[in-house]
Amino acid sequence: QVQLVESGGGLVQAGGSLRLSCAASGRTSSSYAMGWFRQAPGKERERVATISSSGGSTSYADSVKGRFTISRDNAKNTVYLQMNSLKPEDTAVYSCAARATGRTIYAYWGQGTQVTVSS
């Protein structure tokens, strides 16, 4: 009962930055842990970053640690992914997802936004 819409993707030069947003509607996002995932052509979907419902706990894939930051503003029902020092290997479709408290899977997904990093 939550809808997620990503925005902020685009084309950026290596070393640049992008800020992705995930706007939630329906059930308040404060009840959900949130995650950012990405998938490049020919590769499996990868968990990029997660954040607890309160925002008090975050986790990152080793490949993005130190470069990406996940945050949330529950008053705005929005989750962000700040991506700095982008590399060509970061090129992928980025999707946000929501996991309800007490659930073991991310059941709600956005449609994704393309991020392309050029050399």
N, C-alpha and C. Protein backbone atom coordinates (compact mmCIF):
# COMPACT_ATOMS: atom_id res chain seq x y z
N GLN A 1 0.81 -1.20 0.00
CA GLN A 1 0.00 0.00 0.00
C GLN A 1 0.85 1.26 0.00
N VAL A 2 2.07 1.14 -0.47
CA VAL A 2 2.95 2.28 -0.61
C VAL A 2 3.45 2.33 -2.05
N GLN A 3 3.48 3.52 -2.59
CA GLN A 3 3.99 3.75 -3.93
C GLN A 3 5.28 4.54 -3.84
N LEU A 4 6.25 4.15 -4.64
CA LEU A 4 7.57 4.76 -4.60
C LEU A 4 7.92 5.27 -5.99
N VAL A 5 8.42 6.49 -6.04
CA VAL A 5 8.81 7.11 -7.31
C VAL A 5 10.19 7.70 -7.15
N GLU A 6 11.14 7.22 -7.95
CA GLU A 6 12.50 7.71 -7.91
C GLU A 6 12.67 8.89 -8.87
N SER A 7 13.61 9.74 -8.54
CA SER A 7 13.97 10.83 -9.42
C SER A 7 15.41 11.21 -9.14
N GLY A 8 15.98 11.99 -10.04
CA GLY A 8 17.32 12.51 -9.84
C GLY A 8 18.40 11.83 -10.65
N GLY A 9 18.05 10.79 -11.37
CA GLY A 9 19.03 10.13 -12.20
C GLY A 9 19.39 10.96 -13.41
N GLY A 10 20.41 10.53 -14.10
CA GLY A 10 20.85 11.25 -15.28
C GLY A 10 22.25 10.86 -15.68
N LEU A 11 22.82 11.67 -16.53
CA LEU A 11 24.18 11.47 -17.04
C LEU A 11 25.12 12.39 -16.31
N VAL A 12 26.21 11.84 -15.82
CA VAL A 12 27.19 12.63 -15.09
C VAL A 12 28.59 12.14 -15.44
N GLN A 13 29.54 13.04 -15.40
CA GLN A 13 30.93 12.68 -15.63
C GLN A 13 31.51 11.97 -14.42
N ALA A 14 32.46 11.09 -14.67
CA ALA A 14 33.16 10.44 -13.58
C ALA A 14 33.73 11.47 -12.62
N GLY A 15 33.58 11.19 -11.35
CA GLY A 15 34.01 12.13 -10.32
C GLY A 15 32.93 13.09 -9.88
N GLY A 16 31.83 13.12 -10.61
CA GLY A 16 30.74 14.01 -10.27
C GLY A 16 29.81 13.43 -9.23
N SER A 17 28.73 14.14 -9.00
CA SER A 17 27.77 13.77 -7.96
C SER A 17 26.35 13.81 -8.49
N LEU A 18 25.51 12.99 -7.91
CA LEU A 18 24.09 13.01 -8.14
C LEU A 18 23.38 12.75 -6.83
N ARG A 19 22.19 13.27 -6.71
CA ARG A 19 21.36 13.02 -5.54
C ARG A 19 20.04 12.42 -6.01
N LEU A 20 19.82 11.17 -5.66
CA LEU A 20 18.58 10.50 -5.99
C LEU A 20 17.56 10.70 -4.88
N SER A 21 16.32 10.82 -5.27
CA SER A 21 15.22 10.93 -4.32
C SER A 21 14.21 9.83 -4.57
N CYS A 22 13.60 9.38 -3.51
CA CYS A 22 12.54 8.38 -3.58
C CYS A 22 11.38 8.91 -2.77
N ALA A 23 10.33 9.30 -3.46
CA ALA A 23 9.15 9.86 -2.82
C ALA A 23 8.12 8.76 -2.60
N ALA A 24 7.65 8.65 -1.38
CA ALA A 24 6.68 7.64 -1.02
C ALA A 24 5.30 8.25 -0.82
N SER A 25 4.30 7.54 -1.24
CA SER A 25 2.93 7.93 -1.00
C SER A 25 2.16 6.73 -0.49
N GLY A 26 0.99 6.98 0.03
CA GLY A 26 0.23 5.93 0.67
C GLY A 26 0.61 5.84 2.14
N ARG A 27 0.88 4.63 2.60
CA ARG A 27 1.29 4.45 3.98
C ARG A 27 2.56 5.23 4.27
N THR A 28 2.61 5.82 5.43
CA THR A 28 3.77 6.63 5.79
C THR A 28 5.05 5.83 5.72
N SER A 29 6.07 6.44 5.17
CA SER A 29 7.35 5.77 5.02
C SER A 29 8.05 5.53 6.34
N SER A 30 7.60 6.19 7.39
CA SER A 30 8.24 6.02 8.69
C SER A 30 8.07 4.62 9.25
N SER A 31 7.15 3.84 8.69
CA SER A 31 6.93 2.48 9.14
C SER A 31 7.82 1.47 8.43
N TYR A 32 8.63 1.93 7.50
CA TYR A 32 9.40 1.04 6.64
C TYR A 32 10.89 1.31 6.73
N ALA A 33 11.64 0.23 6.72
CA ALA A 33 13.03 0.35 6.35
C ALA A 33 13.09 0.55 4.84
N MET A 34 14.08 1.28 4.39
CA MET A 34 14.19 1.59 2.97
C MET A 34 15.55 1.16 2.45
N GLY A 35 15.57 0.84 1.18
CA GLY A 35 16.82 0.47 0.56
C GLY A 35 16.93 1.02 -0.85
N TRP A 36 18.15 1.23 -1.25
CA TRP A 36 18.46 1.54 -2.65
C TRP A 36 19.18 0.34 -3.25
N PHE A 37 18.73 -0.05 -4.43
CA PHE A 37 19.31 -1.16 -5.16
C PHE A 37 19.67 -0.69 -6.56
N ARG A 38 20.56 -1.40 -7.19
CA ARG A 38 20.90 -1.07 -8.57
C ARG A 38 21.12 -2.34 -9.37
N GLN A 39 20.90 -2.22 -10.66
CA GLN A 39 21.10 -3.33 -11.56
C GLN A 39 21.62 -2.83 -12.89
N ALA A 40 22.76 -3.34 -13.27
CA ALA A 40 23.35 -3.03 -14.56
C ALA A 40 23.04 -4.16 -15.53
N PRO A 41 23.05 -3.88 -16.82
CA PRO A 41 22.79 -4.94 -17.80
C PRO A 41 23.71 -6.13 -17.62
N GLY A 42 23.13 -7.32 -17.59
CA GLY A 42 23.90 -8.54 -17.47
C GLY A 42 24.38 -8.85 -16.07
N LYS A 43 24.00 -8.06 -15.10
CA LYS A 43 24.44 -8.27 -13.73
C LYS A 43 23.24 -8.45 -12.80
N GLU A 44 23.49 -9.09 -11.68
CA GLU A 44 22.45 -9.26 -10.68
C GLU A 44 22.17 -7.94 -9.98
N ARG A 45 20.96 -7.85 -9.45
CA ARG A 45 20.61 -6.69 -8.66
C ARG A 45 21.47 -6.65 -7.40
N GLU A 46 21.94 -5.48 -7.05
CA GLU A 46 22.84 -5.28 -5.94
C GLU A 46 22.24 -4.33 -4.92
N ARG A 47 22.32 -4.70 -3.67
CA ARG A 47 21.92 -3.78 -2.61
C ARG A 47 22.99 -2.72 -2.45
N VAL A 48 22.60 -1.49 -2.56
CA VAL A 48 23.53 -0.37 -2.46
C VAL A 48 23.59 0.18 -1.05
N ALA A 49 22.43 0.45 -0.48
CA ALA A 49 22.37 1.06 0.85
C ALA A 49 21.01 0.81 1.45
N THR A 50 20.97 0.74 2.76
CA THR A 50 19.71 0.59 3.48
C THR A 50 19.68 1.55 4.65
N ILE A 51 18.48 1.85 5.09
CA ILE A 51 18.30 2.73 6.24
C ILE A 51 17.10 2.25 7.03
N SER A 52 17.21 2.28 8.33
CA SER A 52 16.13 1.83 9.19
C SER A 52 14.98 2.83 9.15
N SER A 53 13.85 2.40 9.68
CA SER A 53 12.65 3.24 9.64
C SER A 53 12.86 4.58 10.33
N SER A 54 13.63 4.59 11.39
CA SER A 54 13.90 5.82 12.13
C SER A 54 15.03 6.63 11.52
N GLY A 55 15.80 6.02 10.66
CA GLY A 55 16.98 6.67 10.12
C GLY A 55 18.21 6.51 10.98
N GLY A 56 18.09 5.78 12.08
CA GLY A 56 19.19 5.66 13.02
C GLY A 56 20.25 4.66 12.64
N SER A 57 19.99 3.83 11.67
CA SER A 57 20.94 2.81 11.27
C SER A 57 21.01 2.75 9.75
N THR A 58 22.22 2.71 9.24
CA THR A 58 22.42 2.62 7.80
C THR A 58 23.45 1.54 7.49
N SER A 59 23.40 1.04 6.27
CA SER A 59 24.39 0.09 5.82
C SER A 59 24.66 0.34 4.35
N TYR A 60 25.86 -0.07 3.90
CA TYR A 60 26.28 0.19 2.53
C TYR A 60 27.01 -1.00 1.96
N ALA A 61 26.87 -1.16 0.66
CA ALA A 61 27.71 -2.10 -0.04
C ALA A 61 29.16 -1.62 0.01
N ASP A 62 30.08 -2.56 0.06
CA ASP A 62 31.48 -2.18 0.12
C ASP A 62 31.89 -1.32 -1.07
N SER A 63 31.27 -1.55 -2.21
CA SER A 63 31.64 -0.85 -3.42
C SER A 63 31.31 0.64 -3.38
N VAL A 64 30.40 1.04 -2.50
CA VAL A 64 29.99 2.44 -2.45
C VAL A 64 30.31 3.09 -1.12
N LYS A 65 30.78 2.33 -0.17
CA LYS A 65 31.06 2.86 1.16
C LYS A 65 32.06 4.01 1.08
N GLY A 66 31.73 5.08 1.75
CA GLY A 66 32.57 6.26 1.73
C GLY A 66 32.25 7.23 0.62
N ARG A 67 31.47 6.80 -0.36
CA ARG A 67 31.10 7.66 -1.47
C ARG A 67 29.62 8.00 -1.49
N PHE A 68 28.79 7.05 -1.07
CA PHE A 68 27.34 7.23 -1.08
C PHE A 68 26.83 7.42 0.34
N THR A 69 25.76 8.17 0.47
CA THR A 69 25.11 8.37 1.75
C THR A 69 23.60 8.26 1.58
N ILE A 70 22.99 7.39 2.36
CA ILE A 70 21.54 7.27 2.36
C ILE A 70 20.99 8.05 3.54
N SER A 71 19.89 8.72 3.33
CA SER A 71 19.24 9.48 4.38
C SER A 71 17.75 9.50 4.13
N ARG A 72 17.01 9.94 5.12
CA ARG A 72 15.57 10.03 4.94
C ARG A 72 15.01 11.21 5.69
N ASP A 73 13.93 11.73 5.17
CA ASP A 73 13.19 12.79 5.80
C ASP A 73 11.75 12.29 5.90
N ASN A 74 11.41 11.75 7.04
CA ASN A 74 10.10 11.14 7.19
C ASN A 74 8.97 12.16 7.10
N ALA A 75 9.26 13.40 7.48
CA ALA A 75 8.24 14.44 7.36
C ALA A 75 7.87 14.68 5.91
N LYS A 76 8.81 14.45 5.00
CA LYS A 76 8.57 14.61 3.57
C LYS A 76 8.32 13.29 2.87
N ASN A 77 8.35 12.20 3.61
CA ASN A 77 8.16 10.87 3.04
C ASN A 77 9.13 10.63 1.89
N THR A 78 10.36 10.99 2.10
CA THR A 78 11.36 10.92 1.05
C THR A 78 12.65 10.31 1.57
N VAL A 79 13.24 9.45 0.76
CA VAL A 79 14.54 8.86 1.03
C VAL A 79 15.50 9.33 -0.05
N TYR A 80 16.73 9.60 0.34
CA TYR A 80 17.71 10.14 -0.57
C TYR A 80 18.92 9.22 -0.67
N LEU A 81 19.57 9.30 -1.79
CA LEU A 81 20.87 8.67 -1.96
C LEU A 81 21.81 9.70 -2.57
N GLN A 82 22.69 10.23 -1.75
CA GLN A 82 23.70 11.15 -2.23
C GLN A 82 24.88 10.34 -2.75
N MET A 83 25.21 10.54 -4.00
CA MET A 83 26.26 9.78 -4.65
C MET A 83 27.37 10.74 -5.07
N ASN A 84 28.52 10.57 -4.47
CA ASN A 84 29.68 11.39 -4.77
C ASN A 84 30.78 10.55 -5.38
N SER A 85 31.72 11.21 -6.00
CA SER A 85 32.87 10.53 -6.61
C SER A 85 32.42 9.38 -7.49
N LEU A 86 31.48 9.65 -8.34
CA LEU A 86 30.89 8.59 -9.16
C LEU A 86 31.90 8.01 -10.13
N LYS A 87 31.76 6.72 -10.35
CA LYS A 87 32.62 5.97 -11.24
C LYS A 87 31.79 5.35 -12.36
N PRO A 88 32.40 5.07 -13.50
CA PRO A 88 31.64 4.42 -14.57
C PRO A 88 30.96 3.13 -14.13
N GLU A 89 31.57 2.39 -13.23
CA GLU A 89 30.97 1.15 -12.77
C GLU A 89 29.73 1.36 -11.90
N ASP A 90 29.43 2.60 -11.55
CA ASP A 90 28.19 2.90 -10.85
C ASP A 90 27.00 2.99 -11.81
N THR A 91 27.26 2.94 -13.09
CA THR A 91 26.18 3.01 -14.07
C THR A 91 25.21 1.86 -13.89
N ALA A 92 23.94 2.18 -13.72
CA ALA A 92 22.91 1.17 -13.49
C ALA A 92 21.57 1.86 -13.38
N VAL A 93 20.53 1.05 -13.35
CA VAL A 93 19.22 1.53 -12.97
C VAL A 93 19.11 1.41 -11.45
N TYR A 94 18.82 2.51 -10.82
CA TYR A 94 18.72 2.56 -9.36
C TYR A 94 17.26 2.56 -8.96
N SER A 95 16.91 1.68 -8.04
CA SER A 95 15.55 1.57 -7.56
C SER A 95 15.52 1.68 -6.05
N CYS A 96 14.47 2.26 -5.53
CA CYS A 96 14.28 2.24 -4.09
C CYS A 96 13.22 1.21 -3.74
N ALA A 97 13.27 0.73 -2.52
CA ALA A 97 12.36 -0.30 -2.08
C ALA A 97 12.06 -0.10 -0.61
N ALA A 98 10.92 -0.62 -0.19
CA ALA A 98 10.47 -0.49 1.19
C ALA A 98 10.21 -1.85 1.79
N ARG A 99 10.63 -2.00 3.03
CA ARG A 99 10.39 -3.22 3.80
C ARG A 99 9.65 -2.85 5.08
N ALA A 100 8.47 -3.39 5.24
CA ALA A 100 7.68 -3.10 6.44
C ALA A 100 8.28 -3.78 7.66
N THR A 101 8.11 -3.14 8.79
CA THR A 101 8.54 -3.73 10.04
C THR A 101 7.88 -5.09 10.23
N GLY A 102 8.68 -6.08 10.58
CA GLY A 102 8.17 -7.43 10.76
C GLY A 102 8.21 -8.28 9.50
N ARG A 103 8.57 -7.70 8.39
CA ARG A 103 8.69 -8.43 7.14
C ARG A 103 10.15 -8.76 6.87
N THR A 104 10.36 -9.75 6.03
CA THR A 104 11.71 -10.20 5.72
C THR A 104 12.15 -9.83 4.31
N ILE A 105 11.25 -9.29 3.52
CA ILE A 105 11.57 -8.93 2.15
C ILE A 105 11.16 -7.50 1.88
N TYR A 106 11.78 -6.93 0.85
CA TYR A 106 11.36 -5.63 0.34
C TYR A 106 10.22 -5.87 -0.63
N ALA A 107 9.03 -5.53 -0.21
CA ALA A 107 7.83 -5.86 -0.97
C ALA A 107 7.38 -4.77 -1.93
N TYR A 108 7.84 -3.55 -1.72
CA TYR A 108 7.42 -2.43 -2.54
C TYR A 108 8.61 -1.82 -3.24
N TRP A 109 8.44 -1.61 -4.53
CA TRP A 109 9.55 -1.14 -5.37
C TRP A 109 9.11 0.00 -6.28
N GLY A 110 10.02 0.92 -6.48
CA GLY A 110 9.81 1.94 -7.48
C GLY A 110 10.18 1.42 -8.86
N GLN A 111 9.96 2.24 -9.86
CA GLN A 111 10.23 1.83 -11.24
C GLN A 111 11.69 2.02 -11.65
N GLY A 112 12.43 2.76 -10.88
CA GLY A 112 13.84 2.92 -11.14
C GLY A 112 14.16 4.19 -11.90
N THR A 113 15.39 4.64 -11.73
CA THR A 113 15.90 5.79 -12.46
C THR A 113 17.30 5.47 -12.95
N GLN A 114 17.57 5.84 -14.19
CA GLN A 114 18.85 5.51 -14.81
C GLN A 114 19.93 6.47 -14.36
N VAL A 115 21.05 5.91 -13.96
CA VAL A 115 22.25 6.67 -13.66
C VAL A 115 23.34 6.21 -14.61
N THR A 116 23.89 7.13 -15.36
CA THR A 116 24.96 6.82 -16.29
C THR A 116 26.16 7.71 -15.97
N VAL A 117 27.29 7.07 -15.74
CA VAL A 117 28.52 7.78 -15.42
C VAL A 117 29.50 7.58 -16.56
N SER A 118 29.89 8.65 -17.19
CA SER A 118 30.79 8.58 -18.33
C SER A 118 32.22 8.85 -17.90
N SER A 119 33.15 8.29 -18.67
CA SER A 119 34.57 8.47 -18.38
C SER A 119 35.04 9.84 -18.82
